[in-house]
Amino acid sequence: MTLASAPERPDGSQHRGSPSIAAERPKTLLFCPCGREAAPDEWRVDRDGTHRRLVCPDCGETLTVR
């Protein structure tokens, strides 16, 4: 495995991201047009025969059908 350094900014400093934001958010998020953002296991799952729908529990919008 090769380690890469953080990208350098024009002023010469390096950006490593915000640890406070990274600590608060999971890496995998789903976003709804209503503004909700949450991990995949925090969405409602509706089954329709052989299909599964991920549904926003706040507004009822269907995010995906699988």
Protein backbone atom coordinates (compact mmCIF):
# COMPACT_ATOMS: atom_id res chain seq x y z
CA MET A 1 0.00 0.00 0.00
CA THR A 2 1.22 3.49 -0.82
CA LEU A 3 0.44 6.44 1.40
CA ALA A 4 -0.26 9.76 -0.30
CA SER A 5 0.08 13.12 1.35
CA ALA A 6 -2.81 15.55 1.51
CA PRO A 7 -3.18 17.80 -1.56
CA GLU A 8 -1.29 21.04 -1.37
CA ARG A 9 -3.16 24.34 -1.61
CA PRO A 10 -1.93 27.31 -3.67
CA ASP A 11 -0.69 28.99 -0.47
CA GLY A 12 1.48 25.94 0.31
CA SER A 13 -0.66 24.62 3.18
CA GLN A 14 -2.19 21.15 3.11
CA HIS A 15 -5.91 20.42 3.47
CA ARG A 16 -6.68 17.38 5.59
CA GLY A 17 -10.43 17.85 5.97
CA SER A 18 -12.42 18.81 9.00
CA PRO A 19 -12.18 16.19 11.74
CA SER A 20 -15.30 17.54 13.43
CA ILE A 21 -17.43 17.08 10.30
CA ALA A 22 -15.89 13.68 9.50
CA ALA A 23 -16.57 12.47 13.05
CA GLU A 24 -20.24 13.50 12.87
CA ARG A 25 -21.16 12.02 9.47
CA PRO A 26 -20.99 8.39 8.41
CA LYS A 27 -19.09 7.79 5.16
CA THR A 28 -22.19 6.49 3.35
CA LEU A 29 -25.09 8.92 3.22
CA LEU A 30 -28.29 9.10 1.25
CA PHE A 31 -29.84 12.47 0.45
CA CYS A 32 -33.50 13.29 -0.05
CA PRO A 33 -34.81 16.38 -1.88
CA CYS A 34 -36.57 17.38 1.37
CA GLY A 35 -33.16 17.91 2.99
CA ARG A 36 -32.84 14.72 5.02
CA GLU A 37 -29.43 13.07 4.94
CA ALA A 38 -28.84 9.81 6.79
CA ALA A 39 -27.09 6.46 6.66
CA PRO A 40 -28.81 3.78 4.54
CA ASP A 41 -30.12 1.88 7.58
CA GLU A 42 -32.03 4.97 8.77
CA TRP A 43 -34.48 4.95 5.83
CA ARG A 44 -37.77 3.11 5.61
CA VAL A 45 -37.77 -0.04 3.44
CA ASP A 46 -41.03 -0.92 1.67
CA ARG A 47 -41.27 -4.28 -0.08
CA ASP A 48 -43.42 -4.60 -3.19
CA GLY A 49 -43.29 -8.20 -4.42
CA THR A 50 -39.70 -8.70 -5.58
CA HIS A 51 -38.75 -5.01 -5.29
CA ARG A 52 -37.48 -3.04 -2.30
CA ARG A 53 -38.00 0.70 -2.08
CA LEU A 54 -35.97 2.99 0.15
CA VAL A 55 -38.37 5.69 1.31
CA CYS A 56 -37.73 8.90 3.23
CA PRO A 57 -39.46 8.63 6.62
CA ASP A 58 -39.89 12.43 6.71
CA CYS A 59 -41.61 13.16 3.39
CA GLY A 60 -42.38 9.74 1.86
CA GLU A 61 -40.22 10.32 -1.26
CA THR A 62 -38.92 7.09 -2.86
CA LEU A 63 -35.13 7.28 -3.19
CA THR A 64 -34.46 4.02 -4.99
CA VAL A 65 -36.18 0.82 -6.12
CA ARG A 66 -34.19 -2.40 -6.27
